Amino acid sequence: MIPYIDAKLKLWGEWRVRSEMGQRGNLKSSLGAWQTAAVSSSRSLLSYVPIDDLEACELDRIVAALEETLKTLLLEMYYYTNPTEDKLKRLGCSERTLYYRLHVAHVKVMEALQDAA
């Protein structure tokens, strides 16, 4: 796992949740709106850190371009909030395989971000 990429993907996952709730553009949102979003999505308030929409869209584009296995893995890890055991069942792999694939996905995302810069 690459911590820097992990942090970016966590923000991307939160951005996807907020975008479904119609709360994109958090730079214009108030703390009260973040609290409402955190409570209604049962996610931690601390995880509601603003992410620039352009950065999130770039990550969304990068994830969408990955092979299906890695794309599904990243959605499972950063978008859905179910426990690890459920993730393993849905992905049909062992925990070791999950973290190996997660590292591979992190490397591909990091390379794509570097190519875009």
N, C-alpha and C. Protein backbone atom coordinates (compact mmCIF):
# COMPACT_ATOMS: atom_id res chain seq x y z
N MET A 1 0.85 -1.18 0.00
CA MET A 1 0.00 0.00 0.00
C MET A 1 0.90 1.24 0.00
N ILE A 2 0.52 2.22 -0.77
CA ILE A 2 1.25 3.48 -0.83
C ILE A 2 0.42 4.51 -0.07
N PRO A 3 0.89 4.96 1.10
CA PRO A 3 0.08 5.84 1.96
C PRO A 3 -0.45 7.10 1.27
N TYR A 4 0.37 7.74 0.47
CA TYR A 4 -0.05 8.97 -0.22
C TYR A 4 -1.22 8.68 -1.16
N ILE A 5 -1.13 7.60 -1.91
CA ILE A 5 -2.21 7.23 -2.85
C ILE A 5 -3.44 6.76 -2.06
N ASP A 6 -3.20 6.03 -0.98
CA ASP A 6 -4.30 5.58 -0.12
C ASP A 6 -5.10 6.79 0.38
N ALA A 7 -4.41 7.82 0.84
CA ALA A 7 -5.10 9.03 1.33
C ALA A 7 -5.90 9.70 0.22
N LYS A 8 -5.31 9.80 -0.98
CA LYS A 8 -6.02 10.40 -2.11
C LYS A 8 -7.27 9.59 -2.48
N LEU A 9 -7.13 8.27 -2.48
CA LEU A 9 -8.27 7.42 -2.84
C LEU A 9 -9.35 7.44 -1.77
N LYS A 10 -8.98 7.60 -0.51
CA LYS A 10 -9.99 7.74 0.54
C LYS A 10 -10.81 9.00 0.31
N LEU A 11 -10.13 10.10 -0.02
CA LEU A 11 -10.84 11.34 -0.32
C LEU A 11 -11.71 11.19 -1.56
N TRP A 12 -11.19 10.47 -2.56
CA TRP A 12 -11.96 10.22 -3.79
C TRP A 12 -13.24 9.44 -3.46
N GLY A 13 -13.12 8.41 -2.61
CA GLY A 13 -14.29 7.61 -2.21
C GLY A 13 -15.33 8.48 -1.50
N GLU A 14 -14.87 9.34 -0.61
CA GLU A 14 -15.78 10.25 0.09
C GLU A 14 -16.43 11.22 -0.90
N TRP A 15 -15.64 11.69 -1.85
CA TRP A 15 -16.17 12.60 -2.88
C TRP A 15 -17.27 11.92 -3.68
N ARG A 16 -17.07 10.64 -4.01
CA ARG A 16 -18.10 9.90 -4.76
C ARG A 16 -19.38 9.78 -3.95
N VAL A 17 -19.25 9.52 -2.65
CA VAL A 17 -20.43 9.42 -1.78
C VAL A 17 -21.15 10.76 -1.76
N ARG A 18 -20.40 11.84 -1.54
CA ARG A 18 -21.02 13.17 -1.49
C ARG A 18 -21.64 13.55 -2.82
N SER A 19 -21.00 13.17 -3.92
CA SER A 19 -21.54 13.54 -5.23
C SER A 19 -22.88 12.86 -5.47
N GLU A 20 -23.04 11.65 -4.96
CA GLU A 20 -24.34 10.97 -5.08
C GLU A 20 -25.40 11.65 -4.23
N MET A 21 -24.95 12.33 -3.18
CA MET A 21 -25.87 13.02 -2.30
C MET A 21 -26.08 14.47 -2.76
N GLY A 22 -25.48 14.82 -3.91
CA GLY A 22 -25.63 16.17 -4.44
C GLY A 22 -24.81 17.20 -3.70
N GLN A 23 -23.68 16.78 -3.13
CA GLN A 23 -22.88 17.70 -2.34
C GLN A 23 -21.48 17.87 -2.91
N ARG A 24 -21.35 17.94 -4.21
CA ARG A 24 -20.04 18.25 -4.80
C ARG A 24 -19.70 19.69 -4.51
N GLY A 25 -18.43 20.02 -4.71
CA GLY A 25 -18.00 21.40 -4.51
C GLY A 25 -17.94 21.77 -3.06
N ASN A 26 -17.32 20.93 -2.23
CA ASN A 26 -17.29 21.18 -0.80
C ASN A 26 -16.58 22.46 -0.42
N LEU A 27 -15.83 23.07 -1.33
CA LEU A 27 -15.19 24.32 -0.98
C LEU A 27 -16.24 25.39 -0.70
N LYS A 28 -17.43 25.24 -1.25
CA LYS A 28 -18.51 26.19 -1.03
C LYS A 28 -19.42 25.73 0.12
N SER A 29 -19.25 24.50 0.59
CA SER A 29 -20.13 23.95 1.60
C SER A 29 -19.72 24.40 2.99
N SER A 30 -20.65 24.37 3.90
CA SER A 30 -20.36 24.74 5.28
C SER A 30 -20.10 23.48 6.10
N LEU A 31 -19.55 23.69 7.29
CA LEU A 31 -19.30 22.56 8.18
C LEU A 31 -20.61 21.85 8.51
N GLY A 32 -21.69 22.61 8.63
CA GLY A 32 -22.99 21.99 8.91
C GLY A 32 -23.41 21.01 7.83
N ALA A 33 -23.13 21.35 6.58
CA ALA A 33 -23.46 20.43 5.48
C ALA A 33 -22.61 19.18 5.56
N TRP A 34 -21.35 19.33 5.95
CA TRP A 34 -20.48 18.16 6.10
C TRP A 34 -20.99 17.26 7.22
N GLN A 35 -21.43 17.89 8.32
CA GLN A 35 -21.95 17.09 9.43
C GLN A 35 -23.19 16.33 9.00
N THR A 36 -24.07 17.00 8.27
CA THR A 36 -25.27 16.33 7.76
C THR A 36 -24.91 15.17 6.87
N ALA A 37 -23.95 15.38 5.99
CA ALA A 37 -23.51 14.31 5.09
C ALA A 37 -22.89 13.17 5.86
N ALA A 38 -22.08 13.49 6.87
CA ALA A 38 -21.42 12.45 7.66
C ALA A 38 -22.44 11.61 8.42
N VAL A 39 -23.43 12.27 9.01
CA VAL A 39 -24.44 11.54 9.78
C VAL A 39 -25.31 10.70 8.85
N SER A 40 -25.72 11.27 7.73
CA SER A 40 -26.62 10.54 6.84
C SER A 40 -25.93 9.40 6.12
N SER A 41 -24.61 9.47 5.96
CA SER A 41 -23.92 8.37 5.27
C SER A 41 -23.24 7.43 6.24
N SER A 42 -23.36 7.67 7.53
CA SER A 42 -22.77 6.87 8.60
C SER A 42 -21.25 6.77 8.46
N ARG A 43 -20.64 7.79 7.91
CA ARG A 43 -19.18 7.86 7.84
C ARG A 43 -18.69 8.90 8.83
N SER A 44 -17.45 8.81 9.20
CA SER A 44 -16.87 9.69 10.18
C SER A 44 -16.84 11.14 9.70
N LEU A 45 -17.15 12.07 10.58
CA LEU A 45 -17.07 13.48 10.25
C LEU A 45 -15.65 13.87 9.90
N LEU A 46 -14.68 13.24 10.54
CA LEU A 46 -13.28 13.58 10.28
C LEU A 46 -12.87 13.23 8.86
N SER A 47 -13.58 12.33 8.23
CA SER A 47 -13.22 11.95 6.87
C SER A 47 -13.73 12.95 5.84
N TYR A 48 -14.53 13.92 6.27
CA TYR A 48 -15.08 14.89 5.32
C TYR A 48 -14.15 16.08 5.20
N VAL A 49 -13.04 15.84 4.56
CA VAL A 49 -12.06 16.87 4.23
C VAL A 49 -12.33 17.28 2.79
N PRO A 50 -12.32 18.56 2.51
CA PRO A 50 -12.59 18.97 1.13
C PRO A 50 -11.59 18.38 0.14
N ILE A 51 -12.06 17.98 -1.00
CA ILE A 51 -11.20 17.56 -2.10
C ILE A 51 -11.64 18.37 -3.31
N ASP A 52 -10.68 18.88 -4.00
CA ASP A 52 -10.97 19.67 -5.18
C ASP A 52 -11.69 18.79 -6.20
N ASP A 53 -12.76 19.32 -6.78
CA ASP A 53 -13.53 18.54 -7.76
C ASP A 53 -12.68 18.12 -8.95
N LEU A 54 -11.78 18.99 -9.39
CA LEU A 54 -10.93 18.64 -10.53
C LEU A 54 -10.01 17.47 -10.19
N GLU A 55 -9.44 17.49 -8.99
CA GLU A 55 -8.57 16.39 -8.56
C GLU A 55 -9.38 15.09 -8.44
N ALA A 56 -10.57 15.19 -7.87
CA ALA A 56 -11.41 14.01 -7.73
C ALA A 56 -11.85 13.47 -9.09
N CYS A 57 -12.16 14.36 -10.00
CA CYS A 57 -12.55 13.92 -11.35
C CYS A 57 -11.38 13.23 -12.06
N GLU A 58 -10.18 13.74 -11.85
CA GLU A 58 -9.00 13.11 -12.44
C GLU A 58 -8.80 11.70 -11.87
N LEU A 59 -8.96 11.55 -10.55
CA LEU A 59 -8.86 10.22 -9.95
C LEU A 59 -9.98 9.31 -10.47
N ASP A 60 -11.16 9.86 -10.63
CA ASP A 60 -12.29 9.09 -11.15
C ASP A 60 -11.98 8.59 -12.57
N ARG A 61 -11.39 9.43 -13.38
CA ARG A 61 -11.01 9.06 -14.74
C ARG A 61 -9.94 7.97 -14.72
N ILE A 62 -8.96 8.11 -13.83
CA ILE A 62 -7.89 7.13 -13.72
C ILE A 62 -8.44 5.78 -13.29
N VAL A 63 -9.30 5.78 -12.28
CA VAL A 63 -9.89 4.52 -11.79
C VAL A 63 -10.74 3.88 -12.89
N ALA A 64 -11.50 4.67 -13.60
CA ALA A 64 -12.36 4.13 -14.66
C ALA A 64 -11.54 3.48 -15.78
N ALA A 65 -10.31 3.95 -15.97
CA ALA A 65 -9.47 3.41 -17.04
C ALA A 65 -8.72 2.13 -16.63
N LEU A 66 -8.77 1.78 -15.36
CA LEU A 66 -8.08 0.56 -14.91
C LEU A 66 -8.83 -0.67 -15.39
N GLU A 67 -8.10 -1.80 -15.39
CA GLU A 67 -8.76 -3.06 -15.73
C GLU A 67 -9.87 -3.33 -14.71
N GLU A 68 -10.86 -4.08 -15.12
CA GLU A 68 -12.08 -4.28 -14.33
C GLU A 68 -11.80 -4.79 -12.91
N THR A 69 -10.87 -5.73 -12.77
CA THR A 69 -10.55 -6.30 -11.46
C THR A 69 -10.07 -5.22 -10.50
N LEU A 70 -9.17 -4.36 -10.96
CA LEU A 70 -8.63 -3.31 -10.10
C LEU A 70 -9.65 -2.21 -9.84
N LYS A 71 -10.45 -1.89 -10.84
CA LYS A 71 -11.50 -0.89 -10.67
C LYS A 71 -12.51 -1.35 -9.60
N THR A 72 -12.92 -2.59 -9.70
CA THR A 72 -13.86 -3.15 -8.73
C THR A 72 -13.26 -3.16 -7.33
N LEU A 73 -11.99 -3.51 -7.25
CA LEU A 73 -11.29 -3.53 -5.96
C LEU A 73 -11.27 -2.14 -5.33
N LEU A 74 -10.92 -1.11 -6.11
CA LEU A 74 -10.85 0.24 -5.56
C LEU A 74 -12.22 0.75 -5.12
N LEU A 75 -13.25 0.44 -5.89
CA LEU A 75 -14.60 0.81 -5.46
C LEU A 75 -14.97 0.10 -4.16
N GLU A 76 -14.64 -1.16 -4.08
CA GLU A 76 -14.95 -1.94 -2.88
C GLU A 76 -14.20 -1.39 -1.66
N MET A 77 -12.96 -1.01 -1.85
CA MET A 77 -12.13 -0.56 -0.73
C MET A 77 -12.42 0.88 -0.30
N TYR A 78 -12.72 1.76 -1.25
CA TYR A 78 -12.82 3.18 -0.92
C TYR A 78 -14.21 3.76 -1.03
N TYR A 79 -15.13 3.06 -1.62
CA TYR A 79 -16.49 3.58 -1.78
C TYR A 79 -17.47 2.88 -0.84
N TYR A 80 -17.45 1.58 -0.81
CA TYR A 80 -18.36 0.82 0.05
C TYR A 80 -17.79 0.73 1.46
N THR A 81 -18.68 0.71 2.46
CA THR A 81 -18.24 0.73 3.85
C THR A 81 -18.38 -0.62 4.55
N ASN A 82 -18.63 -1.67 3.81
CA ASN A 82 -18.83 -2.98 4.43
C ASN A 82 -17.52 -3.52 5.02
N PRO A 83 -17.61 -4.45 5.99
CA PRO A 83 -16.42 -5.02 6.63
C PRO A 83 -15.53 -5.78 5.65
N THR A 84 -14.28 -5.96 6.04
CA THR A 84 -13.29 -6.63 5.18
C THR A 84 -13.76 -8.03 4.78
N GLU A 85 -14.37 -8.77 5.70
CA GLU A 85 -14.84 -10.12 5.36
C GLU A 85 -15.83 -10.09 4.20
N ASP A 86 -16.72 -9.10 4.22
CA ASP A 86 -17.69 -8.96 3.13
C ASP A 86 -17.00 -8.58 1.83
N LYS A 87 -16.00 -7.73 1.93
CA LYS A 87 -15.25 -7.33 0.73
C LYS A 87 -14.57 -8.55 0.11
N LEU A 88 -13.99 -9.40 0.96
CA LEU A 88 -13.31 -10.59 0.47
C LEU A 88 -14.28 -11.52 -0.24
N LYS A 89 -15.47 -11.69 0.33
CA LYS A 89 -16.49 -12.54 -0.30
C LYS A 89 -16.93 -11.96 -1.65
N ARG A 90 -17.18 -10.66 -1.67
CA ARG A 90 -17.64 -10.03 -2.91
C ARG A 90 -16.58 -10.07 -4.01
N LEU A 91 -15.31 -9.93 -3.59
CA LEU A 91 -14.22 -9.95 -4.57
C LEU A 91 -13.76 -11.37 -4.90
N GLY A 92 -14.13 -12.33 -4.06
CA GLY A 92 -13.77 -13.73 -4.31
C GLY A 92 -12.29 -14.00 -4.23
N CYS A 93 -11.63 -13.41 -3.21
CA CYS A 93 -10.19 -13.63 -3.08
C CYS A 93 -9.80 -13.67 -1.61
N SER A 94 -8.56 -14.06 -1.36
CA SER A 94 -8.06 -14.09 0.01
C SER A 94 -7.62 -12.69 0.42
N GLU A 95 -7.39 -12.51 1.71
CA GLU A 95 -6.95 -11.21 2.21
C GLU A 95 -5.58 -10.84 1.63
N ARG A 96 -4.72 -11.81 1.54
CA ARG A 96 -3.38 -11.57 0.97
C ARG A 96 -3.49 -11.09 -0.49
N THR A 97 -4.35 -11.75 -1.26
CA THR A 97 -4.56 -11.36 -2.65
C THR A 97 -5.16 -9.96 -2.74
N LEU A 98 -6.10 -9.67 -1.86
CA LEU A 98 -6.73 -8.35 -1.84
C LEU A 98 -5.67 -7.27 -1.66
N TYR A 99 -4.77 -7.44 -0.70
CA TYR A 99 -3.77 -6.40 -0.44
C TYR A 99 -2.69 -6.37 -1.52
N TYR A 100 -2.42 -7.49 -2.15
CA TYR A 100 -1.50 -7.49 -3.29
C TYR A 100 -2.11 -6.68 -4.45
N ARG A 101 -3.38 -6.96 -4.75
CA ARG A 101 -4.05 -6.24 -5.83
C ARG A 101 -4.18 -4.76 -5.50
N LEU A 102 -4.43 -4.46 -4.22
CA LEU A 102 -4.53 -3.07 -3.80
C LEU A 102 -3.21 -2.34 -4.06
N HIS A 103 -2.09 -3.00 -3.75
CA HIS A 103 -0.79 -2.38 -4.02
C HIS A 103 -0.60 -2.16 -5.52
N VAL A 104 -0.94 -3.15 -6.33
CA VAL A 104 -0.84 -3.01 -7.79
C VAL A 104 -1.68 -1.82 -8.27
N ALA A 105 -2.90 -1.71 -7.74
CA ALA A 105 -3.78 -0.60 -8.13
C ALA A 105 -3.17 0.74 -7.70
N HIS A 106 -2.60 0.79 -6.51
CA HIS A 106 -1.96 2.02 -6.04
C HIS A 106 -0.83 2.44 -6.97
N VAL A 107 -0.02 1.48 -7.38
CA VAL A 107 1.09 1.77 -8.29
C VAL A 107 0.56 2.33 -9.61
N LYS A 108 -0.48 1.69 -10.15
CA LYS A 108 -1.05 2.16 -11.42
C LYS A 108 -1.65 3.56 -11.31
N VAL A 109 -2.32 3.83 -10.19
CA VAL A 109 -2.87 5.16 -9.97
C VAL A 109 -1.75 6.19 -9.83
N MET A 110 -0.71 5.85 -9.08
CA MET A 110 0.43 6.74 -8.91
C MET A 110 1.10 7.05 -10.25
N GLU A 111 1.30 6.02 -11.08
CA GLU A 111 1.90 6.23 -12.39
C GLU A 111 1.02 7.12 -13.27
N ALA A 112 -0.28 6.90 -13.22
CA ALA A 112 -1.19 7.72 -14.03
C ALA A 112 -1.17 9.18 -13.56
N LEU A 113 -1.09 9.39 -12.25
CA LEU A 113 -1.02 10.76 -11.73
C LEU A 113 0.28 11.43 -12.16
N GLN A 114 1.37 10.67 -12.14
CA GLN A 114 2.67 11.23 -12.56
C GLN A 114 2.66 11.53 -14.05
N ASP A 115 2.03 10.68 -14.85
CA ASP A 115 1.94 10.92 -16.30
C ASP A 115 1.11 12.16 -16.61
N ALA A 116 0.10 12.40 -15.77
CA ALA A 116 -0.79 13.55 -15.99
C ALA A 116 -0.13 14.87 -15.60
N ALA A 117 0.87 14.79 -14.74
CA ALA A 117 1.53 16.03 -14.25
C ALA A 117 2.49 16.62 -15.24
